């Protein structure tokens, strides 16, 4: 993880975002204090439920209902 000043960030923002696209992470500091962490977007985390891979269900009566019940039990409800 690289640390850069706010001034360096504002002068070189295009180059720095190119580095982020390549996977680099850096912290921006202003007046000696960290104010931001810039990192690539993680597409897999925080996806809404409708964008997550679906559970494949079979249509054999009891197996289907038990798969639905199991899926509901595994959901993280906050």
PDB file of N, CA and C in Angstrom:
ATOM      1  N   UNK A   1       0.864  -1.171   0.000  1.00  0.00           N
ATOM      2  CA  UNK A   1       0.000   0.000   0.000  1.00  0.00           C
ATOM      3  C   UNK A   1       0.905   1.226   0.000  1.00  0.00           C
ATOM      4  N   UNK A   2       0.642   2.108  -0.912  1.00  0.00           N
ATOM      5  CA  UNK A   2       1.433   3.322  -1.084  1.00  0.00           C
ATOM      6  C   UNK A   2       0.729   4.495  -0.407  1.00  0.00           C
ATOM      7  N   UNK A   3       1.504   5.413   0.157  1.00  0.00           N
ATOM      8  CA  UNK A   3       0.953   6.619   0.763  1.00  0.00           C
ATOM      9  C   UNK A   3       1.366   7.818  -0.070  1.00  0.00           C
ATOM     10  N   UNK A   4       0.384   8.677  -0.382  1.00  0.00           N
ATOM     11  CA  UNK A   4       0.668   9.883  -1.163  1.00  0.00           C
ATOM     12  C   UNK A   4       0.001  11.078  -0.498  1.00  0.00           C
ATOM     13  N   UNK A   5       0.535  12.256  -0.780  1.00  0.00           N
ATOM     14  CA  UNK A   5      -0.079  13.473  -0.243  1.00  0.00           C
ATOM     15  C   UNK A   5      -1.263  13.879  -1.111  1.00  0.00           C
ATOM     16  N   UNK A   6      -2.125  14.695  -0.545  1.00  0.00           N
ATOM     17  CA  UNK A   6      -3.277  15.191  -1.290  1.00  0.00           C
ATOM     18  C   UNK A   6      -2.825  15.989  -2.509  1.00  0.00           C
ATOM     19  N   UNK A   7      -1.763  16.775  -2.356  1.00  0.00           N
ATOM     20  CA  UNK A   7      -1.234  17.570  -3.477  1.00  0.00           C
ATOM     21  C   UNK A   7      -0.772  16.661  -4.607  1.00  0.00           C
ATOM     22  N   UNK A   8      -0.024  15.602  -4.256  1.00  0.00           N
ATOM     23  CA  UNK A   8       0.428  14.648  -5.265  1.00  0.00           C
ATOM     24  C   UNK A   8      -0.769  13.979  -5.943  1.00  0.00           C
ATOM     25  N   UNK A   9      -1.780  13.654  -5.153  1.00  0.00           N
ATOM     26  CA  UNK A   9      -2.981  13.033  -5.700  1.00  0.00           C
ATOM     27  C   UNK A   9      -3.644  13.953  -6.723  1.00  0.00           C
ATOM     28  N   UNK A  10      -3.841  15.213  -6.356  1.00  0.00           N
ATOM     29  CA  UNK A  10      -4.542  16.132  -7.255  1.00  0.00           C
ATOM     30  C   UNK A  10      -3.735  16.440  -8.515  1.00  0.00           C
ATOM     31  N   UNK A  11      -2.421  16.413  -8.431  1.00  0.00           N
ATOM     32  CA  UNK A  11      -1.586  16.691  -9.609  1.00  0.00           C
ATOM     33  C   UNK A  11      -1.488  15.497 -10.548  1.00  0.00           C
ATOM     34  N   UNK A  12      -1.612  14.280 -10.004  1.00  0.00           N
ATOM     35  CA  UNK A  12      -1.368  13.068 -10.797  1.00  0.00           C
ATOM     36  C   UNK A  12      -2.552  12.102 -10.793  1.00  0.00           C
ATOM     37  N   UNK A  13      -3.751  12.625 -10.681  1.00  0.00           N
ATOM     38  CA  UNK A  13      -4.924  11.767 -10.496  1.00  0.00           C
ATOM     39  C   UNK A  13      -5.106  10.753 -11.634  1.00  0.00           C
ATOM     40  N   UNK A  14      -4.885  11.147 -12.860  1.00  0.00           N
ATOM     41  CA  UNK A  14      -5.076  10.223 -13.985  1.00  0.00           C
ATOM     42  C   UNK A  14      -4.085   9.060 -13.908  1.00  0.00           C
ATOM     43  N   UNK A  15      -2.835   9.366 -13.660  1.00  0.00           N
ATOM     44  CA  UNK A  15      -1.810   8.329 -13.547  1.00  0.00           C
ATOM     45  C   UNK A  15      -2.092   7.406 -12.358  1.00  0.00           C
ATOM     46  N   UNK A  16      -2.524   7.998 -11.242  1.00  0.00           N
ATOM     47  CA  UNK A  16      -2.801   7.203 -10.053  1.00  0.00           C
ATOM     48  C   UNK A  16      -3.977   6.252 -10.275  1.00  0.00           C
ATOM     49  N   UNK A  17      -5.011   6.709 -10.973  1.00  0.00           N
ATOM     50  CA  UNK A  17      -6.137   5.820 -11.251  1.00  0.00           C
ATOM     51  C   UNK A  17      -5.748   4.711 -12.217  1.00  0.00           C
ATOM     52  N   UNK A  18      -4.791   4.972 -13.085  1.00  0.00           N
ATOM     53  CA  UNK A  18      -4.272   3.892 -13.938  1.00  0.00           C
ATOM     54  C   UNK A  18      -3.598   2.827 -13.080  1.00  0.00           C
ATOM     55  N   UNK A  19      -2.859   3.276 -12.045  1.00  0.00           N
ATOM     56  CA  UNK A  19      -2.236   2.333 -11.119  1.00  0.00           C
ATOM     57  C   UNK A  19      -3.297   1.536 -10.360  1.00  0.00           C
ATOM     58  N   UNK A  20      -4.383   2.182  -9.973  1.00  0.00           N
ATOM     59  CA  UNK A  20      -5.472   1.499  -9.266  1.00  0.00           C
ATOM     60  C   UNK A  20      -6.092   0.442 -10.175  1.00  0.00           C
ATOM     61  N   UNK A  21      -6.249   0.753 -11.444  1.00  0.00           N
ATOM     62  CA  UNK A  21      -6.791  -0.231 -12.387  1.00  0.00           C
ATOM     63  C   UNK A  21      -5.907  -1.478 -12.462  1.00  0.00           C
ATOM     64  N   UNK A  22      -4.620  -1.314 -12.190  1.00  0.00           N
ATOM     65  CA  UNK A  22      -3.691  -2.443 -12.206  1.00  0.00           C
ATOM     66  C   UNK A  22      -3.650  -3.168 -10.862  1.00  0.00           C
ATOM     67  N   UNK A  23      -4.471  -2.717  -9.902  1.00  0.00           N
ATOM     68  CA  UNK A  23      -4.585  -3.408  -8.627  1.00  0.00           C
ATOM     69  C   UNK A  23      -3.898  -2.730  -7.458  1.00  0.00           C
ATOM     70  N   UNK A  24      -3.264  -1.596  -7.672  1.00  0.00           N
ATOM     71  CA  UNK A  24      -2.566  -0.925  -6.580  1.00  0.00           C
ATOM     72  C   UNK A  24      -3.541  -0.199  -5.644  1.00  0.00           C
ATOM     73  N   UNK A  25      -3.194  -0.176  -4.375  1.00  0.00           N
ATOM     74  CA  UNK A  25      -3.986   0.500  -3.352  1.00  0.00           C
ATOM     75  C   UNK A  25      -3.108   1.583  -2.747  1.00  0.00           C
ATOM     76  N   UNK A  26      -3.684   2.762  -2.512  1.00  0.00           N
ATOM     77  CA  UNK A  26      -2.908   3.797  -1.844  1.00  0.00           C
ATOM     78  C   UNK A  26      -3.764   4.625  -0.910  1.00  0.00           C
ATOM     79  N   UNK A  27      -3.086   5.242   0.064  1.00  0.00           N
ATOM     80  CA  UNK A  27      -3.739   6.079   1.067  1.00  0.00           C
ATOM     81  C   UNK A  27      -3.358   7.526   0.777  1.00  0.00           C
ATOM     82  N   UNK A  28      -4.352   8.406   0.780  1.00  0.00           N
ATOM     83  CA  UNK A  28      -4.126   9.842   0.570  1.00  0.00           C
ATOM     84  C   UNK A  28      -4.069  10.505   1.942  1.00  0.00           C
ATOM     85  N   UNK A  29      -3.017  11.295   2.160  1.00  0.00           N
ATOM     86  CA  UNK A  29      -2.894  12.013   3.425  1.00  0.00           C
ATOM     87  C   UNK A  29      -2.938  13.514   3.181  1.00  0.00           C
ATOM     88  N   UNK A  30      -3.510  14.229   4.151  1.00  0.00           N
ATOM     89  CA  UNK A  30      -3.533  15.692   4.103  1.00  0.00           C
ATOM     90  C   UNK A  30      -3.195  16.182   5.504  1.00  0.00           C
ATOM     91  N   UNK A  31      -2.250  17.088   5.566  1.00  0.00           N
ATOM     92  CA  UNK A  31      -1.776  17.615   6.850  1.00  0.00           C
ATOM     93  C   UNK A  31      -1.319  16.481   7.773  1.00  0.00           C
ATOM     94  N   UNK A  32      -0.701  15.454   7.171  1.00  0.00           N
ATOM     95  CA  UNK A  32      -0.157  14.348   7.943  1.00  0.00           C
ATOM     96  C   UNK A  32      -1.159  13.311   8.407  1.00  0.00           C
ATOM     97  N   UNK A  33      -2.426  13.463   8.049  1.00  0.00           N
ATOM     98  CA  UNK A  33      -3.458  12.516   8.488  1.00  0.00           C
ATOM     99  C   UNK A  33      -4.078  11.818   7.281  1.00  0.00           C
ATOM    100  N   UNK A  34      -4.294  10.504   7.368  1.00  0.00           N
ATOM    101  CA  UNK A  34      -4.946   9.796   6.264  1.00  0.00           C
ATOM    102  C   UNK A  34      -6.394  10.246   6.118  1.00  0.00           C
ATOM    103  N   UNK A  35      -6.790  10.535   4.875  1.00  0.00           N
ATOM    104  CA  UNK A  35      -8.169  10.978   4.632  1.00  0.00           C
ATOM    105  C   UNK A  35      -8.928  10.043   3.695  1.00  0.00           C
ATOM    106  N   UNK A  36      -8.196   9.229   2.934  1.00  0.00           N
ATOM    107  CA  UNK A  36      -8.885   8.326   2.001  1.00  0.00           C
ATOM    108  C   UNK A  36      -7.984   7.151   1.654  1.00  0.00           C
ATOM    109  N   UNK A  37      -8.633   6.032   1.358  1.00  0.00           N
ATOM    110  CA  UNK A  37      -7.937   4.869   0.823  1.00  0.00           C
ATOM    111  C   UNK A  37      -8.548   4.608  -0.547  1.00  0.00           C
ATOM    112  N   UNK A  38      -7.711   4.557  -1.557  1.00  0.00           N
ATOM    113  CA  UNK A  38      -8.187   4.342  -2.923  1.00  0.00           C
ATOM    114  C   UNK A  38      -7.762   2.942  -3.344  1.00  0.00           C
ATOM    115  N   UNK A  39      -8.737   2.142  -3.772  1.00  0.00           N
ATOM    116  CA  UNK A  39      -8.461   0.764  -4.166  1.00  0.00           C
ATOM    117  C   UNK A  39      -9.391   0.374  -5.305  1.00  0.00           C
ATOM    118  N   UNK A  40      -9.034  -0.691  -6.029  1.00  0.00           N
ATOM    119  CA  UNK A  40      -9.914  -1.161  -7.098  1.00  0.00           C
ATOM    120  C   UNK A  40     -11.254  -1.620  -6.528  1.00  0.00           C
ATOM    121  N   UNK A  41     -12.281  -1.524  -7.321  1.00  0.00           N
ATOM    122  CA  UNK A  41     -13.607  -1.970  -6.917  1.00  0.00           C
ATOM    123  C   UNK A  41     -13.619  -3.487  -6.881  1.00  0.00           C
ATOM    124  N   UNK A  42     -14.185  -4.023  -5.811  1.00  0.00           N
ATOM    125  CA  UNK A  42     -14.363  -5.457  -5.711  1.00  0.00           C
ATOM    126  C   UNK A  42     -15.789  -5.776  -6.130  1.00  0.00           C
ATOM    127  N   UNK A  43     -15.928  -6.391  -7.269  1.00  0.00           N
ATOM    128  CA  UNK A  43     -17.250  -6.638  -7.834  1.00  0.00           C
ATOM    129  C   UNK A  43     -18.001  -7.717  -7.062  1.00  0.00           C
ATOM    130  N   UNK A  44     -17.284  -8.645  -6.447  1.00  0.00           N
ATOM    131  CA  UNK A  44     -17.955  -9.775  -5.814  1.00  0.00           C
ATOM    132  C   UNK A  44     -18.575  -9.459  -4.467  1.00  0.00           C
ATOM    133  N   UNK A  45     -18.055  -8.474  -3.741  1.00  0.00           N
ATOM    134  CA  UNK A  45     -18.646  -8.210  -2.439  1.00  0.00           C
ATOM    135  C   UNK A  45     -19.733  -7.155  -2.531  1.00  0.00           C
ATOM    136  N   UNK A  46     -20.669  -7.247  -1.638  1.00  0.00           N
ATOM    137  CA  UNK A  46     -21.779  -6.307  -1.529  1.00  0.00           C
ATOM    138  C   UNK A  46     -22.700  -6.287  -2.752  1.00  0.00           C
ATOM    139  N   UNK A  47     -22.820  -7.414  -3.424  1.00  0.00           N
ATOM    140  CA  UNK A  47     -23.771  -7.496  -4.531  1.00  0.00           C
ATOM    141  C   UNK A  47     -25.176  -7.620  -3.966  1.00  0.00           C
ATOM    142  N   UNK A  48     -26.149  -6.979  -4.607  1.00  0.00           N
ATOM    143  CA  UNK A  48     -27.522  -7.202  -4.172  1.00  0.00           C
ATOM    144  C   UNK A  48     -27.898  -8.662  -4.428  1.00  0.00           C
ATOM    145  N   UNK A  49     -28.825  -9.187  -3.651  1.00  0.00           N
ATOM    146  CA  UNK A  49     -29.197 -10.596  -3.744  1.00  0.00           C
ATOM    147  C   UNK A  49     -29.616 -10.998  -5.154  1.00  0.00           C
ATOM    148  N   UNK A  50     -30.273 -10.104  -5.876  1.00  0.00           N
ATOM    149  CA  UNK A  50     -30.756 -10.479  -7.206  1.00  0.00           C
ATOM    150  C   UNK A  50     -29.628 -10.591  -8.228  1.00  0.00           C
ATOM    151  N   UNK A  51     -28.403 -10.116  -7.885  1.00  0.00           N
ATOM    152  CA  UNK A  51     -27.268 -10.257  -8.793  1.00  0.00           C
ATOM    153  C   UNK A  51     -26.352 -11.417  -8.416  1.00  0.00           C
ATOM    154  N   UNK A  52     -26.583 -12.048  -7.264  1.00  0.00           N
ATOM    155  CA  UNK A  52     -25.762 -13.169  -6.839  1.00  0.00           C
ATOM    156  C   UNK A  52     -26.182 -14.421  -7.597  1.00  0.00           C
ATOM    157  N   UNK A  53     -25.266 -15.369  -7.736  1.00  0.00           N
ATOM    158  CA  UNK A  53     -25.628 -16.616  -8.424  1.00  0.00           C
ATOM    159  C   UNK A  53     -26.800 -17.285  -7.720  1.00  0.00           C
ATOM    160  N   UNK A  54     -27.707 -17.788  -8.522  1.00  0.00           N
ATOM    161  CA  UNK A  54     -28.925 -18.387  -7.975  1.00  0.00           C
ATOM    162  C   UNK A  54     -28.680 -19.830  -7.580  1.00  0.00           C
ATOM    163  N   UNK A  55     -29.473 -20.289  -6.639  1.00  0.00           N
ATOM    164  CA  UNK A  55     -29.475 -21.690  -6.243  1.00  0.00           C
ATOM    165  C   UNK A  55     -30.233 -22.465  -7.316  1.00  0.00           C
ATOM    166  N   UNK A  56     -29.633 -23.516  -7.810  1.00  0.00           N
ATOM    167  CA  UNK A  56     -30.326 -24.345  -8.805  1.00  0.00           C
ATOM    168  C   UNK A  56     -31.276 -25.280  -8.077  1.00  0.00           C
ATOM    169  N   UNK A  57     -32.532 -25.204  -8.427  1.00  0.00           N
ATOM    170  CA  UNK A  57     -33.556 -25.994  -7.770  1.00  0.00           C
ATOM    171  C   UNK A  57     -34.046 -27.103  -8.692  1.00  0.00           C
ATOM    172  N   UNK A  58     -34.314 -28.248  -8.090  1.00  0.00           N
ATOM    173  CA  UNK A  58     -34.925 -29.323  -8.875  1.00  0.00           C
ATOM    174  C   UNK A  58     -36.426 -29.281  -8.632  1.00  0.00           C
ATOM    175  N   UNK A  59     -37.187 -29.904  -9.496  1.00  0.00           N
ATOM    176  CA  UNK A  59     -38.646 -29.833  -9.372  1.00  0.00           C
ATOM    177  C   UNK A  59     -39.242 -31.134  -8.865  1.00  0.00           C
ATOM    178  N   UNK A  60     -38.526 -31.847  -8.035  1.00  0.00           N
ATOM    179  CA  UNK A  60     -39.007 -33.128  -7.523  1.00  0.00           C
ATOM    180  C   UNK A  60     -39.673 -32.967  -6.166  1.00  0.00           C
ATOM    181  N   UNK A  61     -40.716 -32.196  -6.074  1.00  0.00           N
ATOM    182  CA  UNK A  61     -41.535 -32.062  -4.877  1.00  0.00           C
ATOM    183  C   UNK A  61     -40.771 -31.759  -3.607  1.00  0.00           C
ATOM    184  N   UNK A  62     -40.541 -32.768  -2.789  1.00  0.00           N
ATOM    185  CA  UNK A  62     -39.917 -32.589  -1.475  1.00  0.00           C
ATOM    186  C   UNK A  62     -38.515 -32.008  -1.606  1.00  0.00           C
ATOM    187  N   UNK A  63     -37.742 -32.399  -2.610  1.00  0.00           N
ATOM    188  CA  UNK A  63     -36.395 -31.858  -2.783  1.00  0.00           C
ATOM    189  C   UNK A  63     -36.439 -30.358  -3.034  1.00  0.00           C
ATOM    190  N   UNK A  64     -37.400 -29.910  -3.812  1.00  0.00           N
ATOM    191  CA  UNK A  64     -37.530 -28.486  -4.100  1.00  0.00           C
ATOM    192  C   UNK A  64     -37.857 -27.704  -2.835  1.00  0.00           C
ATOM    193  N   UNK A  65     -38.820 -28.185  -2.065  1.00  0.00           N
ATOM    194  CA  UNK A  65     -39.200 -27.456  -0.852  1.00  0.00           C
ATOM    195  C   UNK A  65     -38.064 -27.466   0.166  1.00  0.00           C
ATOM    196  N   UNK A  66     -37.347 -28.597   0.306  1.00  0.00           N
ATOM    197  CA  UNK A  66     -36.238 -28.589   1.256  1.00  0.00           C
ATOM    198  C   UNK A  66     -35.105 -27.692   0.789  1.00  0.00           C
ATOM    199  N   UNK A  67     -34.890 -27.565  -0.510  1.00  0.00           N
ATOM    200  CA  UNK A  67     -33.864 -26.650  -1.013  1.00  0.00           C
ATOM    201  C   UNK A  67     -34.242 -25.203  -0.708  1.00  0.00           C
ATOM    202  N   UNK A  68     -35.518 -24.870  -0.846  1.00  0.00           N
ATOM    203  CA  UNK A  68     -35.988 -23.512  -0.535  1.00  0.00           C
ATOM    204  C   UNK A  68     -35.823 -23.224   0.947  1.00  0.00           C
ATOM    205  N   UNK A  69     -36.206 -24.158   1.787  1.00  0.00           N
ATOM    206  CA  UNK A  69     -36.079 -23.981   3.240  1.00  0.00           C
ATOM    207  C   UNK A  69     -34.609 -23.833   3.625  1.00  0.00           C
ATOM    208  N   UNK A  70     -33.743 -24.651   3.061  1.00  0.00           N
ATOM    209  CA  UNK A  70     -32.311 -24.565   3.359  1.00  0.00           C
ATOM    210  C   UNK A  70     -31.747 -23.207   2.931  1.00  0.00           C
ATOM    211  N   UNK A  71     -32.132 -22.733   1.766  1.00  0.00           N
ATOM    212  CA  UNK A  71     -31.666 -21.432   1.284  1.00  0.00           C
ATOM    213  C   UNK A  71     -32.129 -20.314   2.214  1.00  0.00           C
ATOM    214  N   UNK A  72     -33.357 -20.368   2.665  1.00  0.00           N
ATOM    215  CA  UNK A  72     -33.880 -19.346   3.585  1.00  0.00           C
ATOM    216  C   UNK A  72     -33.141 -19.383   4.926  1.00  0.00           C
ATOM    217  N   UNK A  73     -32.813 -20.564   5.402  1.00  0.00           N
ATOM    218  CA  UNK A  73     -32.086 -20.699   6.670  1.00  0.00           C
ATOM    219  C   UNK A  73     -30.663 -20.166   6.563  1.00  0.00           C
ATOM    220  N   UNK A  74     -30.079 -20.215   5.360  1.00  0.00           N
ATOM    221  CA  UNK A  74     -28.701 -19.748   5.158  1.00  0.00           C
ATOM    222  C   UNK A  74     -28.588 -18.257   4.886  1.00  0.00           C
ATOM    223  N   UNK A  75     -29.706 -17.582   4.670  1.00  0.00           N
ATOM    224  CA  UNK A  75     -29.668 -16.150   4.403  1.00  0.00           C
ATOM    225  C   UNK A  75     -29.212 -15.394   5.639  1.00  0.00           C
ATOM    226  N   UNK A  76     -28.422 -14.342   5.415  1.00  0.00           N
ATOM    227  CA  UNK A  76     -27.963 -13.495   6.512  1.00  0.00           C
ATOM    228  C   UNK A  76     -28.945 -12.353   6.660  1.00  0.00           C
ATOM    229  N   UNK A  77     -29.748 -12.393   7.691  1.00  0.00           N
ATOM    230  CA  UNK A  77     -30.711 -11.325   7.937  1.00  0.00           C
ATOM    231  C   UNK A  77     -30.183 -10.496   9.098  1.00  0.00           C
ATOM    232  N   UNK A  78     -30.054  -9.203   8.857  1.00  0.00           N
ATOM    233  CA  UNK A  78     -29.479  -8.311   9.863  1.00  0.00           C
ATOM    234  C   UNK A  78     -30.548  -7.673  10.685  1.00  0.00           C
TER     235      UNK A  78
END
